[in-house]
Amino acid sequence: MAANVESMFYVRETPWHGLGTRVSEAPDSQRALIVAGLNWNVVQEPVYTGENERIEGYKVNVRDTDRKVLGVVSDRYKIVQNREAFVFTDELLGEGVRYETAGSLQNGRKVWMLARMPHEYIISGERISPYMVFFNSHDGSGAIKVALTPIRVVCQNTLNLALSTAKRSWSMIHTGNIQGKMQEARDTLFLAETYMDHLGKEFENLRKKKLTDKQVLDFIDLLLPVDESATSQQVKNVKRLQEDMKLRYFEAPDLKDVGNNAYRFINAVSDFATHSNPLRRSANYKENLFARTVEGNPMIDKAFQMVSEAA
């Protein structure tokens, strides 16, 4: 992971990647830009062949502080500087916004910031803190993405469910009218209150949906299936993961008073998806885990769909 995280900071608790500069209090945007190592700009320059012939239609994005090449992009690509991203989130969340973590990945090719939103919610008697994450790439590999991520405070599990009734994320490509698109993002995320309201109603529905132990075990088998062609070692590995998820449902102290219901199961799956150790940890495993705070986690969404459709 050290090769992927170039610079970053975190507040108080060591985050998912275990790297970075610890700060005692969440900083404002001006301070966050510095402690996250994001106080640099991207400049665009022409691209030439080895024979010094200019390649039309393309430019190269270069970091101004150290001349690091971030990526080759089309000449339609519009830069969104790091400081502009902080200005955007400042305006979006209002005065007093504080940043919990921010930094760069892959030598500056990708940058992110995570800000705690001003209001905390009490949903079904539990504290839920919504966070806004802004994810950008300077290498032309992806869109700008902005998303709301609710966190269950007691266990730090993400509960960014894919609701059909409310939108929680937005993205834009680096072409066209960037400022107009940023305004569209502001308009979209001002609906965060709507998402949290719908999420609260969904939590109530999930709490009312009782699950038998057999249903839970069947759901776990569906989420973590054993392939018919699996070797004995592969079967053993999957069984270990299944046992891990079972423990998170049946034994987790923070869920003992929740009841045997779909809400408990969703939290157990979220805990597994967020905190369990994978069978094989790839070099960019932690980076991919963080990216799911924007994209949503397929396992959690599948579990949510299963319990929603259950009789």
C-alpha atoms as a PDB file:
ATOM      1  CA  MET A   1       0.000   0.000   0.000  1.00  0.00           C
ATOM      2  CA  ALA A   2       2.934   2.351   0.573  1.00  0.00           C
ATOM      3  CA  ALA A   3       3.438   2.511  -3.179  1.00  0.00           C
ATOM      4  CA  ASN A   4      -0.185   3.608  -3.710  1.00  0.00           C
ATOM      5  CA  VAL A   5      -0.604   6.211  -0.947  1.00  0.00           C
ATOM      6  CA  GLU A   6       1.716   9.085  -1.763  1.00  0.00           C
ATOM      7  CA  SER A   7       0.619  11.607   0.861  1.00  0.00           C
ATOM      8  CA  MET A   8      -2.324  12.060   3.192  1.00  0.00           C
ATOM      9  CA  PHE A   9      -3.446  12.981   6.687  1.00  0.00           C
ATOM     10  CA  TYR A  10      -5.975  11.513   9.081  1.00  0.00           C
ATOM     11  CA  VAL A  11      -7.700  12.686  12.239  1.00  0.00           C
ATOM     12  CA  ARG A  12      -7.089  10.873  15.524  1.00  0.00           C
ATOM     13  CA  GLU A  13      -7.810   7.258  14.523  1.00  0.00           C
ATOM     14  CA  THR A  14      -5.528   5.398  12.117  1.00  0.00           C
ATOM     15  CA  PRO A  15      -7.591   4.885   8.925  1.00  0.00           C
ATOM     16  CA  TRP A  16      -7.962   1.976   6.525  1.00  0.00           C
ATOM     17  CA  HIS A  17      -4.525   2.446   4.920  1.00  0.00           C
ATOM     18  CA  GLY A  18      -2.568   2.879   8.161  1.00  0.00           C
ATOM     19  CA  LEU A  19      -0.348   5.578   6.669  1.00  0.00           C
ATOM     20  CA  GLY A  20      -0.110   9.337   6.770  1.00  0.00           C
ATOM     21  CA  THR A  21       0.305  12.306   9.066  1.00  0.00           C
ATOM     22  CA  ARG A  22      -1.856  12.229  12.177  1.00  0.00           C
ATOM     23  CA  VAL A  23      -3.534  15.472  13.229  1.00  0.00           C
ATOM     24  CA  SER A  24      -5.417  15.996  16.487  1.00  0.00           C
ATOM     25  CA  GLU A  25      -8.308  18.001  15.030  1.00  0.00           C
ATOM     26  CA  ALA A  26      -9.986  17.992  11.645  1.00  0.00           C
ATOM     27  CA  PRO A  27      -8.571  20.952   9.705  1.00  0.00           C
ATOM     28  CA  ASP A  28     -10.323  23.483   7.511  1.00  0.00           C
ATOM     29  CA  SER A  29      -9.710  23.454   3.764  1.00  0.00           C
ATOM     30  CA  GLN A  30      -6.641  25.709   3.713  1.00  0.00           C
ATOM     31  CA  ARG A  31      -4.851  23.643   6.333  1.00  0.00           C
ATOM     32  CA  ALA A  32      -6.085  20.344   4.891  1.00  0.00           C
ATOM     33  CA  LEU A  33      -4.654  21.201   1.479  1.00  0.00           C
ATOM     34  CA  ILE A  34      -1.195  21.509   3.065  1.00  0.00           C
ATOM     35  CA  VAL A  35      -1.191  18.591   5.536  1.00  0.00           C
ATOM     36  CA  ALA A  36      -2.600  16.282   2.855  1.00  0.00           C
ATOM     37  CA  GLY A  37       0.272  17.188   0.520  1.00  0.00           C
ATOM     38  CA  LEU A  38      -2.164  18.477  -2.103  1.00  0.00           C
ATOM     39  CA  ASN A  39      -0.894  22.061  -2.340  1.00  0.00           C
ATOM     40  CA  TRP A  40       0.222  21.727  -5.953  1.00  0.00           C
ATOM     41  CA  ASN A  41      -1.263  22.437  -9.374  1.00  0.00           C
ATOM     42  CA  VAL A  42      -1.652  20.484 -12.589  1.00  0.00           C
ATOM     43  CA  VAL A  43      -0.439  22.133 -15.786  1.00  0.00           C
ATOM     44  CA  GLN A  44      -1.038  20.938 -19.334  1.00  0.00           C
ATOM     45  CA  GLU A  45       1.731  20.811 -21.917  1.00  0.00           C
ATOM     46  CA  PRO A  46       2.012  19.616 -25.539  1.00  0.00           C
ATOM     47  CA  VAL A  47       2.955  16.016 -26.331  1.00  0.00           C
ATOM     48  CA  TYR A  48       5.824  15.300 -28.739  1.00  0.00           C
ATOM     49  CA  THR A  49       7.215  12.202 -30.397  1.00  0.00           C
ATOM     50  CA  GLY A  50      10.811  11.125 -29.999  1.00  0.00           C
ATOM     51  CA  GLU A  51      11.479  13.031 -33.230  1.00  0.00           C
ATOM     52  CA  ASN A  52      10.163  16.239 -31.625  1.00  0.00           C
ATOM     53  CA  GLU A  53       6.956  16.152 -33.660  1.00  0.00           C
ATOM     54  CA  ARG A  54       3.930  17.500 -31.834  1.00  0.00           C
ATOM     55  CA  ILE A  55       1.059  15.022 -31.395  1.00  0.00           C
ATOM     56  CA  GLU A  56      -2.157  16.849 -32.135  1.00  0.00           C
ATOM     57  CA  GLY A  57      -5.254  16.235 -30.036  1.00  0.00           C
ATOM     58  CA  TYR A  58      -3.393  15.314 -26.829  1.00  0.00           C
ATOM     59  CA  LYS A  59      -1.782  17.016 -23.865  1.00  0.00           C
ATOM     60  CA  VAL A  60       0.172  15.790 -20.881  1.00  0.00           C
ATOM     61  CA  ASN A  61      -0.850  16.640 -17.316  1.00  0.00           C
ATOM     62  CA  VAL A  62       2.208  17.576 -15.234  1.00  0.00           C
ATOM     63  CA  ARG A  63       2.495  18.405 -11.521  1.00  0.00           C
ATOM     64  CA  ASP A  64       4.075  21.822 -11.193  1.00  0.00           C
ATOM     65  CA  THR A  65       6.075  21.158  -8.018  1.00  0.00           C
ATOM     66  CA  ASP A  66       8.229  18.292  -9.243  1.00  0.00           C
ATOM     67  CA  ARG A  67       7.431  17.917 -12.966  1.00  0.00           C
ATOM     68  CA  LYS A  68       5.820  14.549 -12.291  1.00  0.00           C
ATOM     69  CA  VAL A  69       3.907  13.311 -15.353  1.00  0.00           C
ATOM     70  CA  LEU A  70       0.392  12.371 -14.219  1.00  0.00           C
ATOM     71  CA  GLY A  71      -1.095  11.238 -17.513  1.00  0.00           C
ATOM     72  CA  VAL A  72      -1.693  11.897 -21.191  1.00  0.00           C
ATOM     73  CA  VAL A  73      -5.194  13.222 -21.927  1.00  0.00           C
ATOM     74  CA  SER A  74      -7.164  14.548 -24.875  1.00  0.00           C
ATOM     75  CA  ASP A  75      -7.040  18.271 -25.494  1.00  0.00           C
ATOM     76  CA  ARG A  76     -10.712  18.415 -24.474  1.00  0.00           C
ATOM     77  CA  TYR A  77      -9.785  17.429 -20.913  1.00  0.00           C
ATOM     78  CA  LYS A  78     -10.493  20.175 -18.332  1.00  0.00           C
ATOM     79  CA  ILE A  79      -8.427  20.298 -15.158  1.00  0.00           C
ATOM     80  CA  VAL A  80     -10.064  20.576 -11.745  1.00  0.00           C
ATOM     81  CA  GLN A  81      -7.278  21.678  -9.409  1.00  0.00           C
ATOM     82  CA  ASN A  82      -7.027  20.324  -5.874  1.00  0.00           C
ATOM     83  CA  ARG A  83      -7.745  23.729  -4.361  1.00  0.00           C
ATOM     84  CA  GLU A  84     -10.894  23.975  -6.516  1.00  0.00           C
ATOM     85  CA  ALA A  85     -12.087  20.676  -5.077  1.00  0.00           C
ATOM     86  CA  PHE A  86     -11.717  22.043  -1.536  1.00  0.00           C
ATOM     87  CA  VAL A  87     -13.512  25.257  -2.518  1.00  0.00           C
ATOM     88  CA  PHE A  88     -16.304  23.123  -3.958  1.00  0.00           C
ATOM     89  CA  THR A  89     -16.762  21.113  -0.770  1.00  0.00           C
ATOM     90  CA  ASP A  90     -16.490  24.253   1.378  1.00  0.00           C
ATOM     91  CA  GLU A  91     -19.304  25.865  -0.578  1.00  0.00           C
ATOM     92  CA  LEU A  92     -21.339  22.686  -0.626  1.00  0.00           C
ATOM     93  CA  LEU A  93     -21.196  21.908   3.083  1.00  0.00           C
ATOM     94  CA  GLY A  94     -21.130  25.461   4.389  1.00  0.00           C
ATOM     95  CA  GLU A  95     -19.080  27.390   6.914  1.00  0.00           C
ATOM     96  CA  GLY A  96     -17.171  25.369   9.463  1.00  0.00           C
ATOM     97  CA  VAL A  97     -16.708  22.197   7.413  1.00  0.00           C
ATOM     98  CA  ARG A  98     -13.835  20.034   8.631  1.00  0.00           C
ATOM     99  CA  TYR A  99     -11.953  17.354   6.729  1.00  0.00           C
ATOM    100  CA  GLU A 100     -11.396  13.928   8.262  1.00  0.00           C
ATOM    101  CA  THR A 101      -8.889  12.691   5.692  1.00  0.00           C
ATOM    102  CA  ALA A 102      -7.481  13.673   2.313  1.00  0.00           C
ATOM    103  CA  GLY A 103      -4.506  12.724   0.187  1.00  0.00           C
ATOM    104  CA  SER A 104      -3.138  11.472  -3.084  1.00  0.00           C
ATOM    105  CA  LEU A 105      -2.700   8.008  -4.555  1.00  0.00           C
ATOM    106  CA  GLN A 106      -0.374   6.698  -7.252  1.00  0.00           C
ATOM    107  CA  ASN A 107       2.045   9.643  -7.203  1.00  0.00           C
ATOM    108  CA  GLY A 108      -0.683  12.257  -7.521  1.00  0.00           C
ATOM    109  CA  ARG A 109      -2.673  10.599 -10.276  1.00  0.00           C
ATOM    110  CA  LYS A 110      -5.692  10.265  -7.979  1.00  0.00           C
ATOM    111  CA  VAL A 111      -6.717  12.498  -5.079  1.00  0.00           C
ATOM    112  CA  TRP A 112      -9.529  12.403  -2.552  1.00  0.00           C
ATOM    113  CA  MET A 113     -10.980  14.229   0.405  1.00  0.00           C
ATOM    114  CA  LEU A 114     -13.493  13.083   2.992  1.00  0.00           C
ATOM    115  CA  ALA A 115     -15.473  15.673   4.950  1.00  0.00           C
ATOM    116  CA  ARG A 116     -17.887  15.134   7.790  1.00  0.00           C
ATOM    117  CA  MET A 117     -21.207  16.781   7.048  1.00  0.00           C
ATOM    118  CA  PRO A 118     -22.578  19.272   9.592  1.00  0.00           C
ATOM    119  CA  HIS A 119     -25.523  17.234  10.913  1.00  0.00           C
ATOM    120  CA  GLU A 120     -25.588  13.898  12.669  1.00  0.00           C
ATOM    121  CA  TYR A 121     -28.721  11.763  12.488  1.00  0.00           C
ATOM    122  CA  ILE A 122     -30.402   9.537  15.032  1.00  0.00           C
ATOM    123  CA  ILE A 123     -32.050   6.765  13.010  1.00  0.00           C
ATOM    124  CA  SER A 124     -33.807   3.907  14.758  1.00  0.00           C
ATOM    125  CA  GLY A 125     -32.100   4.999  17.955  1.00  0.00           C
ATOM    126  CA  GLU A 126     -28.588   4.853  16.469  1.00  0.00           C
ATOM    127  CA  ARG A 127     -26.153   7.618  15.588  1.00  0.00           C
ATOM    128  CA  ILE A 128     -25.490   7.864  11.851  1.00  0.00           C
ATOM    129  CA  SER A 129     -22.915  10.387  10.613  1.00  0.00           C
ATOM    130  CA  PRO A 130     -23.034  11.329   6.917  1.00  0.00           C
ATOM    131  CA  TYR A 131     -19.745  12.048   5.162  1.00  0.00           C
ATOM    132  CA  MET A 132     -19.096  13.521   1.750  1.00  0.00           C
ATOM    133  CA  VAL A 133     -16.275  12.106  -0.334  1.00  0.00           C
ATOM    134  CA  PHE A 134     -14.782  13.871  -3.367  1.00  0.00           C
ATOM    135  CA  PHE A 135     -12.653  11.670  -5.628  1.00  0.00           C
ATOM    136  CA  ASN A 136     -10.738  13.007  -8.629  1.00  0.00           C
ATOM    137  CA  SER A 137      -8.147  11.709 -11.077  1.00  0.00           C
ATOM    138  CA  HIS A 138      -5.511  13.782 -12.878  1.00  0.00           C
ATOM    139  CA  ASP A 139      -4.421  11.027 -15.263  1.00  0.00           C
ATOM    140  CA  GLY A 140      -7.540  10.847 -17.421  1.00  0.00           C
ATOM    141  CA  SER A 141      -8.545   7.425 -16.086  1.00  0.00           C
ATOM    142  CA  GLY A 142     -11.815   8.364 -14.463  1.00  0.00           C
ATOM    143  CA  ALA A 143     -14.503  10.913 -13.742  1.00  0.00           C
ATOM    144  CA  ILE A 144     -14.840  13.293 -10.838  1.00  0.00           C
ATOM    145  CA  LYS A 145     -17.055  11.599  -8.273  1.00  0.00           C
ATOM    146  CA  VAL A 146     -18.934  13.020  -5.317  1.00  0.00           C
ATOM    147  CA  ALA A 147     -20.918  10.850  -2.932  1.00  0.00           C
ATOM    148  CA  LEU A 148     -22.679  10.774   0.399  1.00  0.00           C
ATOM    149  CA  THR A 149     -21.529   7.975   2.715  1.00  0.00           C
ATOM    150  CA  PRO A 150     -23.453   7.376   5.960  1.00  0.00           C
ATOM    151  CA  ILE A 151     -21.386   5.771   8.735  1.00  0.00           C
ATOM    152  CA  ARG A 152     -22.865   3.904  11.702  1.00  0.00           C
ATOM    153  CA  VAL A 153     -20.909   5.580  14.486  1.00  0.00           C
ATOM    154  CA  VAL A 154     -20.752   2.691  16.969  1.00  0.00           C
ATOM    155  CA  CYS A 155     -18.802   0.426  14.608  1.00  0.00           C
ATOM    156  CA  GLN A 156     -17.713   2.671  11.695  1.00  0.00           C
ATOM    157  CA  ASN A 157     -19.547   0.528   9.149  1.00  0.00           C
ATOM    158  CA  THR A 158     -20.536   2.128   5.858  1.00  0.00           C
ATOM    159  CA  LEU A 159     -24.262   2.086   5.132  1.00  0.00           C
ATOM    160  CA  ASN A 160     -24.307   3.576   1.642  1.00  0.00           C
ATOM    161  CA  LEU A 161     -27.216   1.498   0.380  1.00  0.00           C
ATOM    162  CA  ALA A 162     -28.279   1.733  -3.257  1.00  0.00           C
ATOM    163  CA  LEU A 163     -31.787   3.090  -2.760  1.00  0.00           C
ATOM    164  CA  SER A 164     -34.134   3.244  -5.726  1.00  0.00           C
ATOM    165  CA  THR A 165     -35.914   6.202  -4.150  1.00  0.00           C
ATOM    166  CA  ALA A 166     -33.010   8.604  -3.517  1.00  0.00           C
ATOM    167  CA  LYS A 167     -29.685   9.433  -5.137  1.00  0.00           C
ATOM    168  CA  ARG A 168     -26.483   9.540  -3.092  1.00  0.00           C
ATOM    169  CA  SER A 169     -23.701   9.957  -5.676  1.00  0.00           C
ATOM    170  CA  TRP A 170     -22.849  11.983  -8.748  1.00  0.00           C
ATOM    171  CA  SER A 171     -20.034  12.021 -11.301  1.00  0.00           C
ATOM    172  CA  MET A 172     -18.820  14.088 -14.235  1.00  0.00           C
ATOM    173  CA  ILE A 173     -16.223  13.706 -16.944  1.00  0.00           C
ATOM    174  CA  HIS A 174     -13.386  16.207 -17.389  1.00  0.00           C
ATOM    175  CA  THR A 175     -14.785  17.758 -20.557  1.00  0.00           C
ATOM    176  CA  GLY A 176     -17.347  20.405 -21.480  1.00  0.00           C
ATOM    177  CA  ASN A 177     -18.555  23.087 -19.087  1.00  0.00           C
ATOM    178  CA  ILE A 178     -16.879  22.097 -15.838  1.00  0.00           C
ATOM    179  CA  GLN A 179     -18.317  24.958 -13.792  1.00  0.00           C
ATOM    180  CA  GLY A 180     -21.828  24.149 -14.965  1.00  0.00           C
ATOM    181  CA  LYS A 181     -21.339  20.527 -14.006  1.00  0.00           C
ATOM    182  CA  MET A 182     -20.032  21.535 -10.584  1.00  0.00           C
ATOM    183  CA  GLN A 183     -23.230  23.523 -10.067  1.00  0.00           C
ATOM    184  CA  GLU A 184     -25.212  20.435 -11.042  1.00  0.00           C
ATOM    185  CA  ALA A 185     -23.312  18.481  -8.394  1.00  0.00           C
ATOM    186  CA  ARG A 186     -24.177  21.111  -5.806  1.00  0.00           C
ATOM    187  CA  ASP A 187     -27.834  20.851  -6.725  1.00  0.00           C
ATOM    188  CA  THR A 188     -27.669  17.054  -6.537  1.00  0.00           C
ATOM    189  CA  LEU A 189     -25.966  16.849  -3.149  1.00  0.00           C
ATOM    190  CA  PHE A 190     -28.275  19.397  -1.619  1.00  0.00           C
ATOM    191  CA  LEU A 191     -30.652  16.436  -1.778  1.00  0.00           C
ATOM    192  CA  ALA A 192     -28.538  14.655   0.863  1.00  0.00           C
ATOM    193  CA  GLU A 193     -31.309  15.350   3.374  1.00  0.00           C
ATOM    194  CA  THR A 194     -33.700  13.453   1.116  1.00  0.00           C
ATOM    195  CA  TYR A 195     -31.363  10.470   0.949  1.00  0.00           C
ATOM    196  CA  MET A 196     -30.941  10.375   4.726  1.00  0.00           C
ATOM    197  CA  ASP A 197     -34.718  10.623   5.175  1.00  0.00           C
ATOM    198  CA  HIS A 198     -35.298   7.711   2.796  1.00  0.00           C
ATOM    199  CA  LEU A 199     -32.466   5.760   4.422  1.00  0.00           C
ATOM    200  CA  GLY A 200     -34.089   6.188   7.810  1.00  0.00           C
ATOM    201  CA  LYS A 201     -37.389   4.854   6.494  1.00  0.00           C
ATOM    202  CA  GLU A 202     -35.589   1.900   4.918  1.00  0.00           C
ATOM    203  CA  PHE A 203     -33.843   1.120   8.199  1.00  0.00           C
ATOM    204  CA  GLU A 204     -37.236   1.013   9.916  1.00  0.00           C
ATOM    205  CA  ASN A 205     -38.524  -1.377   7.264  1.00  0.00           C
ATOM    206  CA  LEU A 206     -35.458  -3.595   7.667  1.00  0.00           C
ATOM    207  CA  ARG A 207     -35.903  -3.695  11.441  1.00  0.00           C
ATOM    208  CA  LYS A 208     -39.496  -4.842  11.019  1.00  0.00           C
ATOM    209  CA  LYS A 209     -38.486  -7.655   8.666  1.00  0.00           C
ATOM    210  CA  LYS A 210     -37.761 -10.608  10.939  1.00  0.00           C
ATOM    211  CA  LEU A 211     -35.276 -13.245   9.800  1.00  0.00           C
ATOM    212  CA  THR A 212     -34.973 -16.812  10.990  1.00  0.00           C
ATOM    213  CA  ASP A 213     -31.528 -18.275  11.599  1.00  0.00           C
ATOM    214  CA  LYS A 214     -32.029 -20.500   8.576  1.00  0.00           C
ATOM    215  CA  GLN A 215     -32.740 -17.504   6.337  1.00  0.00           C
ATOM    216  CA  VAL A 216     -29.564 -15.837   7.563  1.00  0.00           C
ATOM    217  CA  LEU A 217     -27.479 -18.930   6.866  1.00  0.00           C
ATOM    218  CA  ASP A 218     -29.054 -19.265   3.412  1.00  0.00           C
ATOM    219  CA  PHE A 219     -28.268 -15.613   2.637  1.00  0.00           C
ATOM    220  CA  ILE A 220     -24.651 -16.124   3.709  1.00  0.00           C
ATOM    221  CA  ASP A 221     -24.383 -19.141   1.399  1.00  0.00           C
ATOM    222  CA  LEU A 222     -25.653 -16.987  -1.465  1.00  0.00           C
ATOM    223  CA  LEU A 223     -23.268 -14.130  -0.694  1.00  0.00           C
ATOM    224  CA  LEU A 224     -20.269 -16.434  -0.259  1.00  0.00           C
ATOM    225  CA  PRO A 225     -21.024 -19.449  -2.463  1.00  0.00           C
ATOM    226  CA  VAL A 226     -18.836 -22.530  -2.797  1.00  0.00           C
ATOM    227  CA  ASP A 227     -18.141 -23.255  -6.465  1.00  0.00           C
ATOM    228  CA  GLU A 228     -18.903 -26.814  -7.579  1.00  0.00           C
ATOM    229  CA  SER A 229     -15.439 -27.115  -9.129  1.00  0.00           C
ATOM    230  CA  ALA A 230     -13.633 -25.741  -6.073  1.00  0.00           C
ATOM    231  CA  THR A 231     -10.672 -27.603  -4.644  1.00  0.00           C
ATOM    232  CA  SER A 232     -10.713 -28.775  -1.051  1.00  0.00           C
ATOM    233  CA  GLN A 233      -8.534 -25.802  -0.064  1.00  0.00           C
ATOM    234  CA  GLN A 234     -10.848 -23.367  -1.841  1.00  0.00           C
ATOM    235  CA  VAL A 235     -13.841 -24.892  -0.062  1.00  0.00           C
ATOM    236  CA  LYS A 236     -12.033 -24.512   3.249  1.00  0.00           C
ATOM    237  CA  ASN A 237     -11.254 -20.855   2.483  1.00  0.00           C
ATOM    238  CA  VAL A 238     -14.849 -20.009   1.616  1.00  0.00           C
ATOM    239  CA  LYS A 239     -16.113 -21.804   4.718  1.00  0.00           C
ATOM    240  CA  ARG A 240     -13.765 -19.671   6.808  1.00  0.00           C
ATOM    241  CA  LEU A 241     -15.243 -16.523   5.300  1.00  0.00           C
ATOM    242  CA  GLN A 242     -18.759 -17.817   5.899  1.00  0.00           C
ATOM    243  CA  GLU A 243     -17.946 -18.479   9.550  1.00  0.00           C
ATOM    244  CA  ASP A 244     -16.548 -14.971   9.842  1.00  0.00           C
ATOM    245  CA  MET A 245     -19.786 -13.450   8.530  1.00  0.00           C
ATOM    246  CA  LYS A 246     -21.877 -15.686  10.808  1.00  0.00           C
ATOM    247  CA  LEU A 247     -19.955 -14.438  13.832  1.00  0.00           C
ATOM    248  CA  ARG A 248     -20.577 -10.845  12.783  1.00  0.00           C
ATOM    249  CA  TYR A 249     -24.314 -11.512  12.709  1.00  0.00           C
ATOM    250  CA  PHE A 250     -24.803 -13.832  15.696  1.00  0.00           C
ATOM    251  CA  GLU A 251     -22.053 -12.640  18.077  1.00  0.00           C
ATOM    252  CA  ALA A 252     -21.299  -8.933  17.439  1.00  0.00           C
ATOM    253  CA  PRO A 253     -21.747  -7.014  20.728  1.00  0.00           C
ATOM    254  CA  ASP A 254     -23.073  -3.895  18.990  1.00  0.00           C
ATOM    255  CA  LEU A 255     -25.885  -5.906  17.373  1.00  0.00           C
ATOM    256  CA  LYS A 256     -27.004  -7.979  20.362  1.00  0.00           C
ATOM    257  CA  ASP A 257     -29.976  -5.699  21.139  1.00  0.00           C
ATOM    258  CA  VAL A 258     -31.008  -5.086  17.537  1.00  0.00           C
ATOM    259  CA  GLY A 259     -33.095  -8.237  17.158  1.00  0.00           C
ATOM    260  CA  ASN A 260     -33.049 -10.977  14.535  1.00  0.00           C
ATOM    261  CA  ASN A 261     -33.991  -8.908  11.532  1.00  0.00           C
ATOM    262  CA  ALA A 262     -32.837  -7.644   8.148  1.00  0.00           C
ATOM    263  CA  TYR A 263     -31.264  -4.502   9.618  1.00  0.00           C
ATOM    264  CA  ARG A 264     -28.990  -6.652  11.771  1.00  0.00           C
ATOM    265  CA  PHE A 265     -28.045  -8.738   8.747  1.00  0.00           C
ATOM    266  CA  ILE A 266     -27.197  -5.681   6.616  1.00  0.00           C
ATOM    267  CA  ASN A 267     -24.939  -4.369   9.387  1.00  0.00           C
ATOM    268  CA  ALA A 268     -23.215  -7.747   9.722  1.00  0.00           C
ATOM    269  CA  VAL A 269     -22.562  -7.831   5.980  1.00  0.00           C
ATOM    270  CA  SER A 270     -21.321  -4.239   6.050  1.00  0.00           C
ATOM    271  CA  ASP A 271     -18.988  -5.079   8.940  1.00  0.00           C
ATOM    272  CA  PHE A 272     -17.662  -8.066   6.989  1.00  0.00           C
ATOM    273  CA  ALA A 273     -17.251  -6.097   3.752  1.00  0.00           C
ATOM    274  CA  THR A 274     -15.569  -3.175   5.512  1.00  0.00           C
ATOM    275  CA  HIS A 275     -13.337  -4.856   8.084  1.00  0.00           C
ATOM    276  CA  SER A 276     -12.725  -8.525   7.261  1.00  0.00           C
ATOM    277  CA  ASN A 277      -9.409  -9.825   5.974  1.00  0.00           C
ATOM    278  CA  PRO A 278      -9.614 -11.111   2.379  1.00  0.00           C
ATOM    279  CA  LEU A 279      -8.271 -14.495   1.356  1.00  0.00           C
ATOM    280  CA  ARG A 280      -5.797 -12.755  -0.921  1.00  0.00           C
ATOM    281  CA  ARG A 281      -4.745  -9.169  -0.266  1.00  0.00           C
ATOM    282  CA  SER A 282      -3.787  -7.482  -3.532  1.00  0.00           C
ATOM    283  CA  ALA A 283      -1.406  -4.527  -3.705  1.00  0.00           C
ATOM    284  CA  ASN A 284      -4.292  -2.096  -4.184  1.00  0.00           C
ATOM    285  CA  TYR A 285      -6.789  -3.841  -1.883  1.00  0.00           C
ATOM    286  CA  LYS A 286      -7.113  -0.905   0.529  1.00  0.00           C
ATOM    287  CA  GLU A 287      -7.408   1.563  -2.317  1.00  0.00           C
ATOM    288  CA  ASN A 288     -10.257  -0.468  -3.820  1.00  0.00           C
ATOM    289  CA  LEU A 289     -11.942  -0.690  -0.420  1.00  0.00           C
ATOM    290  CA  PHE A 290     -11.858   3.084  -0.096  1.00  0.00           C
ATOM    291  CA  ALA A 291     -13.183   3.521  -3.645  1.00  0.00           C
ATOM    292  CA  ARG A 292     -16.307   1.621  -2.609  1.00  0.00           C
ATOM    293  CA  THR A 293     -17.227   4.510  -0.321  1.00  0.00           C
ATOM    294  CA  VAL A 294     -18.018   6.284  -3.587  1.00  0.00           C
ATOM    295  CA  GLU A 295     -19.193   3.462  -5.836  1.00  0.00           C
ATOM    296  CA  GLY A 296     -20.998   1.456  -3.187  1.00  0.00           C
ATOM    297  CA  ASN A 297     -20.089  -2.058  -2.110  1.00  0.00           C
ATOM    298  CA  PRO A 298     -21.536  -4.802  -4.368  1.00  0.00           C
ATOM    299  CA  MET A 299     -21.793  -7.299  -1.499  1.00  0.00           C
ATOM    300  CA  ILE A 300     -23.767  -4.893   0.701  1.00  0.00           C
ATOM    301  CA  ASP A 301     -26.036  -3.957  -2.188  1.00  0.00           C
ATOM    302  CA  LYS A 302     -26.658  -7.635  -2.983  1.00  0.00           C
ATOM    303  CA  ALA A 303     -27.494  -8.353   0.661  1.00  0.00           C
ATOM    304  CA  PHE A 304     -29.857  -5.386   0.715  1.00  0.00           C
ATOM    305  CA  GLN A 305     -31.588  -6.642  -2.420  1.00  0.00           C
ATOM    306  CA  MET A 306     -31.930 -10.164  -1.005  1.00  0.00           C
ATOM    307  CA  VAL A 307     -33.492  -9.114   2.290  1.00  0.00           C
ATOM    308  CA  SER A 308     -35.739  -6.578   0.530  1.00  0.00           C
ATOM    309  CA  GLU A 309     -37.135  -9.323  -1.695  1.00  0.00           C
ATOM    310  CA  ALA A 310     -37.415 -11.915   1.069  1.00  0.00           C
ATOM    311  CA  ALA A 311     -40.923 -12.997   2.082  1.00  0.00           C
END
